[in-house]
Amino acid sequence: MRMIAALIITAGRAAHRDSFEPQKELGSIPAIQRIIKLFQRAGLERIVVVCDEPGDRTEKLAAHMNVVFLHSRADAEMLDNVKAGLDYLKDKCEAVMVTHSGVALFSVDTLRALMSAEGPVNVPSYHGRPGHPLLLRAEVFQAVLSYGGEGGLAGAVKAAGVARNLVEVDDEGILSHAQEEQGNAQLIGGHSLRESHPEFRLRIAREKPFYGPGAHQLMQLTGETASLREACRRMGISYGKGRAIISTIEQQLGRPVMESRQGGKTGGHSVLTEDGKKLMQDYAAFYAEAKGCLHELFQKHFDPMIYDL
């Protein structure tokens, strides 16, 4: 099966539009960074953020966190933005975890419980009260995408004719909201992101570093879109910076990893060379194995009684 992805909505005309607040500080980091880290800690590596226009505050706060940015229309409802994310992800994953940036204190254990539970639509529940995020499996994607009613995502799920699977979790954070400062202070103190864990960015170097997570994502998105320019837009970086990243890879590697073809009816496109595809494949395998080893070493060398492991 393909992977599970995550979709974070930070824009949309909805009753709680002003409560998205991706920039709201929760603990020592903004809400949008906290949500991304939670998904990454749970093993979700493809994360899509639907935000306002290119260069908005959300994009700046989440820069260099290896997420994909999609941009919302000014008149878009929240469900429109969910649909935009699902449309992008539908051929890339088996399920999508969906939330908006106003809910940022659910736990890693809750995410794992949702991923392991059966059912086409899994919703976390705390003492019988449903919360966020929810998990949609591929079998309901098309029903949500084709829904034309005014009931939002809940209405789209209901119209799909599937029952929500309430997954009971011991996690009050699924009901939290970024604006509720008094209640959030206690949740933050015991939150799963307070546990120490290793974070690392593995890079390959010759005379200088030339390939790491950012370069890998840029090449992955270029392969998907056939456009380096579009890949840069989805990463929230300038085309000039993207071009410089590719130039450094090719200079250090000594061979081309991308070919650009200008003009024509489509305005030109970019394709990965066989060497470029091989570099991506080798790095992905190396990263996956190294990640497992580094987590084992972390557990070996850091006392759980001291570091709250």
Protein backbone atom coordinates (compact mmCIF):
# COMPACT_ATOMS: atom_id res chain seq x y z
CA MET A 1 0.00 0.00 0.00
CA ARG A 2 1.00 3.60 -0.54
CA MET A 3 1.77 5.94 2.32
CA ILE A 4 -0.48 8.02 4.55
CA ALA A 5 -0.23 11.77 3.95
CA ALA A 6 -1.30 14.82 5.96
CA LEU A 7 -3.33 17.87 4.93
CA ILE A 8 -3.31 21.06 7.01
CA ILE A 9 -5.79 23.83 6.19
CA THR A 10 -4.78 27.37 7.20
CA ALA A 11 -7.13 29.32 4.91
CA GLY A 12 -10.76 29.39 3.89
CA ARG A 13 -13.98 31.32 4.38
CA ALA A 14 -15.61 29.54 7.29
CA ALA A 15 -17.37 30.42 10.52
CA HIS A 16 -14.09 29.91 12.39
CA ARG A 17 -11.83 31.49 9.75
CA ASP A 18 -10.24 33.87 12.26
CA SER A 19 -9.43 30.95 14.54
CA PHE A 20 -7.02 29.17 12.17
CA GLU A 21 -4.13 31.22 13.62
CA PRO A 22 -1.18 29.21 12.26
CA GLN A 23 1.15 31.83 13.74
CA LYS A 24 -0.20 31.43 17.31
CA GLU A 25 2.59 30.50 19.73
CA LEU A 26 1.87 27.21 21.51
CA GLY A 27 4.67 26.39 23.89
CA SER A 28 7.78 27.73 22.22
CA ILE A 29 6.75 27.30 18.57
CA PRO A 30 3.93 28.49 16.26
CA ALA A 31 0.86 26.26 15.85
CA ILE A 32 1.69 25.41 12.21
CA GLN A 33 5.17 24.20 13.14
CA ARG A 34 3.76 22.13 16.02
CA ILE A 35 1.27 20.36 13.74
CA ILE A 36 3.90 19.62 11.10
CA LYS A 37 6.26 18.22 13.73
CA LEU A 38 3.50 16.02 15.13
CA PHE A 39 2.77 14.52 11.73
CA GLN A 40 6.48 14.01 11.06
CA ARG A 41 6.98 12.35 14.47
CA ALA A 42 4.17 9.93 13.57
CA GLY A 43 6.01 8.98 10.37
CA LEU A 44 4.02 11.03 7.84
CA GLU A 45 6.55 12.41 5.40
CA ARG A 46 4.28 13.92 2.73
CA ILE A 47 2.57 16.92 4.28
CA VAL A 48 0.51 19.46 2.34
CA VAL A 49 -0.38 22.91 3.67
CA VAL A 50 -3.16 24.90 2.01
CA CYS A 51 -2.54 28.56 2.76
CA ASP A 52 -3.28 32.02 1.37
CA GLU A 53 -1.30 33.69 -1.43
CA PRO A 54 2.37 32.75 -2.07
CA GLY A 55 4.71 34.26 0.51
CA ASP A 56 2.09 34.57 3.26
CA ARG A 57 2.94 34.21 6.95
CA THR A 58 2.18 30.50 7.05
CA GLU A 59 4.56 29.78 4.19
CA LYS A 60 7.33 31.73 5.89
CA LEU A 61 6.81 30.00 9.24
CA ALA A 62 6.90 26.53 7.68
CA ALA A 63 9.79 27.16 5.30
CA HIS A 64 12.46 24.42 5.31
CA MET A 65 10.12 21.92 7.00
CA ASN A 66 9.78 19.83 3.82
CA VAL A 67 6.11 20.44 3.21
CA VAL A 68 4.22 21.20 0.00
CA PHE A 69 2.30 24.48 -0.23
CA LEU A 70 -0.92 24.86 -2.18
CA HIS A 71 -2.53 28.28 -2.40
CA SER A 72 -6.16 29.09 -1.71
CA ARG A 73 -8.46 31.29 -3.75
CA ALA A 74 -9.64 34.42 -1.94
CA ASP A 75 -13.27 33.24 -2.07
CA ALA A 76 -12.59 29.60 -1.17
CA GLU A 77 -14.55 27.88 1.58
CA MET A 78 -12.71 25.52 3.92
CA LEU A 79 -14.12 22.50 2.07
CA ASP A 80 -12.79 23.92 -1.21
CA ASN A 81 -9.32 23.87 0.31
CA VAL A 82 -9.77 20.33 1.60
CA LYS A 83 -10.76 19.33 -1.93
CA ALA A 84 -7.68 21.07 -3.38
CA GLY A 85 -5.46 19.09 -1.04
CA LEU A 86 -7.23 15.80 -1.72
CA ASP A 87 -7.08 16.37 -5.46
CA TYR A 88 -3.32 16.84 -5.20
CA LEU A 89 -2.82 13.81 -2.94
CA LYS A 90 -5.36 11.34 -4.35
CA ASP A 91 -2.87 9.46 -6.55
CA LYS A 92 -0.03 9.62 -4.05
CA CYS A 93 -1.34 7.95 -0.89
CA GLU A 94 -3.78 5.45 0.59
CA ALA A 95 -5.15 7.82 3.24
CA VAL A 96 -4.99 11.46 4.30
CA MET A 97 -4.98 12.90 7.82
CA VAL A 98 -6.93 16.19 7.73
CA THR A 99 -6.91 19.06 10.22
CA HIS A 100 -6.94 22.83 10.35
CA SER A 101 -4.27 24.88 12.07
CA GLY A 102 -6.48 25.94 14.97
CA VAL A 103 -6.17 22.46 16.53
CA ALA A 104 -2.53 21.77 17.35
CA LEU A 105 -2.37 19.83 20.60
CA PHE A 106 -3.37 16.29 19.64
CA SER A 107 -0.72 13.68 20.37
CA VAL A 108 1.49 11.40 18.31
CA ASP A 109 -0.22 8.42 19.94
CA THR A 110 -3.59 9.69 18.67
CA LEU A 111 -2.24 9.88 15.13
CA ARG A 112 -0.96 6.32 15.38
CA ALA A 113 -4.32 5.13 16.74
CA LEU A 114 -6.14 6.71 13.80
CA MET A 115 -3.75 5.15 11.30
CA SER A 116 -4.10 1.67 12.76
CA ALA A 117 -7.90 1.75 13.17
CA GLU A 118 -10.22 0.14 10.63
CA GLY A 119 -12.74 2.18 8.68
CA PRO A 120 -12.90 4.60 5.73
CA VAL A 121 -13.29 7.64 8.02
CA ASN A 122 -11.60 7.60 11.44
CA VAL A 123 -12.32 10.36 13.97
CA PRO A 124 -10.66 10.65 17.39
CA SER A 125 -13.00 10.81 20.38
CA TYR A 126 -12.30 11.94 23.95
CA HIS A 127 -14.98 10.80 26.43
CA GLY A 128 -17.43 10.53 23.55
CA ARG A 129 -16.64 13.95 22.07
CA PRO A 130 -15.21 13.88 18.50
CA GLY A 131 -12.26 16.08 17.63
CA HIS A 132 -9.37 16.56 15.18
CA PRO A 133 -7.65 15.39 13.07
CA LEU A 134 -9.64 12.89 11.04
CA LEU A 135 -8.34 10.23 8.68
CA LEU A 136 -9.90 9.72 5.25
CA ARG A 137 -9.04 6.58 3.30
CA ALA A 138 -8.81 6.52 -0.49
CA GLU A 139 -12.23 4.91 -0.92
CA VAL A 140 -13.96 8.16 0.12
CA PHE A 141 -11.72 10.64 -1.75
CA GLN A 142 -13.91 10.80 -4.85
CA ALA A 143 -17.11 11.22 -2.83
CA VAL A 144 -15.62 14.22 -1.01
CA LEU A 145 -14.24 15.69 -4.23
CA SER A 146 -17.61 15.43 -5.99
CA TYR A 147 -19.71 16.76 -3.09
CA GLY A 148 -21.54 19.97 -4.00
CA GLY A 149 -23.58 20.60 -0.87
CA GLU A 150 -23.14 23.20 1.86
CA GLY A 151 -22.47 20.86 4.77
CA GLY A 152 -18.71 21.18 4.73
CA LEU A 153 -16.46 18.15 5.16
CA ALA A 154 -18.92 16.56 7.60
CA GLY A 155 -21.64 16.87 4.97
CA ALA A 156 -19.40 15.38 2.31
CA VAL A 157 -18.64 12.37 4.53
CA LYS A 158 -22.32 11.89 5.32
CA ALA A 159 -23.24 12.13 1.62
CA ALA A 160 -20.63 9.45 0.88
CA GLY A 161 -22.83 7.00 2.78
CA VAL A 162 -20.12 5.84 5.17
CA ALA A 163 -20.26 5.87 8.94
CA ARG A 164 -17.60 7.67 10.95
CA ASN A 165 -15.49 5.34 13.04
CA LEU A 166 -15.01 7.03 16.40
CA VAL A 167 -11.62 6.03 17.82
CA GLU A 168 -11.58 6.58 21.58
CA VAL A 169 -8.27 8.13 22.72
CA ASP A 170 -6.96 9.40 26.04
CA ASP A 171 -6.10 12.77 24.50
CA GLU A 172 -7.94 15.93 25.47
CA GLY A 173 -5.80 17.77 22.93
CA ILE A 174 -8.07 16.64 20.09
CA LEU A 175 -10.62 19.16 21.43
CA SER A 176 -8.19 21.99 22.06
CA HIS A 177 -8.13 25.26 20.20
CA ALA A 178 -5.24 27.65 19.67
CA GLN A 179 -7.22 30.54 21.17
CA GLU A 180 -7.93 28.79 24.48
CA GLU A 181 -4.77 29.90 26.26
CA GLN A 182 -5.74 28.92 29.83
CA GLY A 183 -6.64 25.32 28.99
CA ASN A 184 -3.76 24.93 26.55
CA ALA A 185 -1.06 25.71 29.11
CA GLN A 186 -1.72 22.46 30.97
CA LEU A 187 -1.95 20.43 27.76
CA ILE A 188 1.35 21.81 26.49
CA GLY A 189 3.14 20.83 29.71
CA GLY A 190 2.38 17.15 29.15
CA HIS A 191 2.32 17.16 25.36
CA SER A 192 4.11 14.49 23.33
CA LEU A 193 6.38 17.09 21.70
CA ARG A 194 7.85 17.71 25.16
CA GLU A 195 9.53 14.31 24.93
CA SER A 196 13.14 14.44 23.74
CA HIS A 197 13.74 12.92 20.33
CA PRO A 198 16.41 13.08 17.63
CA GLU A 199 16.01 15.42 14.67
CA PHE A 200 18.50 15.26 11.83
CA ARG A 201 19.04 16.42 8.27
CA LEU A 202 21.22 13.94 6.39
CA ARG A 203 23.23 15.52 3.59
CA ILE A 204 25.66 14.19 1.02
CA ALA A 205 28.81 16.23 0.36
CA ARG A 206 31.91 16.33 -1.74
CA GLU A 207 33.79 19.63 -1.59
CA LYS A 208 30.53 21.08 -0.27
CA PRO A 209 27.14 19.63 0.76
CA PHE A 210 25.02 19.12 -2.35
CA TYR A 211 22.10 16.83 -1.53
CA GLY A 212 19.77 16.63 1.44
CA PRO A 213 16.07 16.76 2.35
CA GLY A 214 15.41 20.06 0.59
CA ALA A 215 17.13 19.08 -2.63
CA HIS A 216 15.40 15.70 -2.51
CA GLN A 217 11.98 17.32 -2.20
CA LEU A 218 12.76 19.74 -5.02
CA MET A 219 13.66 16.92 -7.37
CA GLN A 220 10.67 14.84 -6.26
CA LEU A 221 8.26 17.70 -6.98
CA THR A 222 9.95 18.47 -10.30
CA GLY A 223 9.49 14.85 -11.31
CA GLU A 224 5.80 15.03 -10.37
CA THR A 225 5.03 18.36 -12.03
CA ALA A 226 7.54 18.27 -14.94
CA SER A 227 8.33 21.87 -13.97
CA LEU A 228 11.16 23.15 -11.81
CA ARG A 229 9.35 26.48 -11.52
CA GLU A 230 6.18 24.81 -10.22
CA ALA A 231 8.23 22.67 -7.82
CA CYS A 232 9.79 25.84 -6.38
CA ARG A 233 6.36 27.45 -6.01
CA ARG A 234 5.07 24.45 -4.06
CA MET A 235 8.09 24.56 -1.77
CA GLY A 236 7.75 28.29 -1.17
CA ILE A 237 11.18 29.15 -2.60
CA SER A 238 12.22 31.35 -5.51
CA TYR A 239 12.95 29.87 -8.92
CA GLY A 240 16.47 31.31 -8.69
CA LYS A 241 17.12 29.43 -5.45
CA GLY A 242 15.77 26.22 -6.94
CA ARG A 243 17.94 26.60 -10.00
CA ALA A 244 20.97 27.19 -7.75
CA ILE A 245 20.22 23.98 -5.80
CA ILE A 246 20.16 21.94 -9.00
CA SER A 247 23.32 23.65 -10.26
CA THR A 248 25.17 22.75 -7.04
CA ILE A 249 24.07 19.10 -7.29
CA GLU A 250 25.26 18.86 -10.89
CA GLN A 251 28.53 20.67 -10.19
CA GLN A 252 29.43 18.43 -7.26
CA LEU A 253 28.15 15.21 -8.81
CA GLY A 254 29.77 15.92 -12.15
CA ARG A 255 26.74 14.99 -14.25
CA PRO A 256 23.30 16.40 -15.06
CA VAL A 257 20.33 15.41 -12.90
CA MET A 258 17.74 17.48 -14.75
CA GLU A 259 17.05 18.55 -18.31
CA SER A 260 15.00 21.62 -19.19
CA ARG A 261 13.25 22.05 -22.51
CA GLN A 262 12.12 25.54 -23.41
CA GLY A 263 9.25 26.77 -25.57
CA GLY A 264 6.53 24.80 -27.30
CA LYS A 265 2.79 24.89 -26.65
CA THR A 266 3.24 23.97 -23.00
CA GLY A 267 5.88 26.62 -22.35
CA GLY A 268 8.67 24.13 -21.68
CA HIS A 269 9.21 21.57 -18.96
CA SER A 270 11.83 19.90 -16.79
CA VAL A 271 12.60 16.19 -16.62
CA LEU A 272 14.88 14.20 -14.36
CA THR A 273 17.74 12.31 -15.96
CA GLU A 274 18.38 8.66 -15.15
CA ASP A 275 21.26 9.79 -12.91
CA GLY A 276 18.88 12.15 -11.14
CA LYS A 277 16.33 9.39 -10.55
CA LYS A 278 19.05 7.07 -9.27
CA LEU A 279 20.30 9.74 -6.85
CA MET A 280 16.76 10.17 -5.47
CA GLN A 281 16.27 6.42 -5.11
CA ASP A 282 19.60 5.89 -3.34
CA TYR A 283 19.11 8.83 -0.99
CA ALA A 284 15.59 7.69 -0.01
CA ALA A 285 16.85 4.20 0.83
CA PHE A 286 19.86 5.57 2.73
CA TYR A 287 17.70 8.02 4.70
CA ALA A 288 15.12 5.39 5.69
CA GLU A 289 17.76 3.01 7.01
CA ALA A 290 19.81 5.72 8.72
CA LYS A 291 16.70 7.09 10.43
CA GLY A 292 16.02 3.74 12.07
CA CYS A 293 19.63 3.38 13.21
CA LEU A 294 19.77 6.89 14.66
CA HIS A 295 16.61 6.35 16.67
CA GLU A 296 18.10 3.16 18.13
CA LEU A 297 21.31 5.00 19.04
CA PHE A 298 19.33 7.80 20.67
CA GLN A 299 17.49 5.31 22.86
CA LYS A 300 20.82 3.69 23.74
CA HIS A 301 22.66 6.85 24.79
CA PHE A 302 19.97 9.06 26.40
CA ASP A 303 18.62 8.07 29.80
CA PRO A 304 14.79 7.97 29.61
CA MET A 305 14.52 9.03 33.28
CA ILE A 306 16.32 12.29 32.46
CA TYR A 307 15.05 13.07 28.99
CA ASP A 308 11.38 11.98 29.38
CA LEU A 309 11.58 9.36 26.64
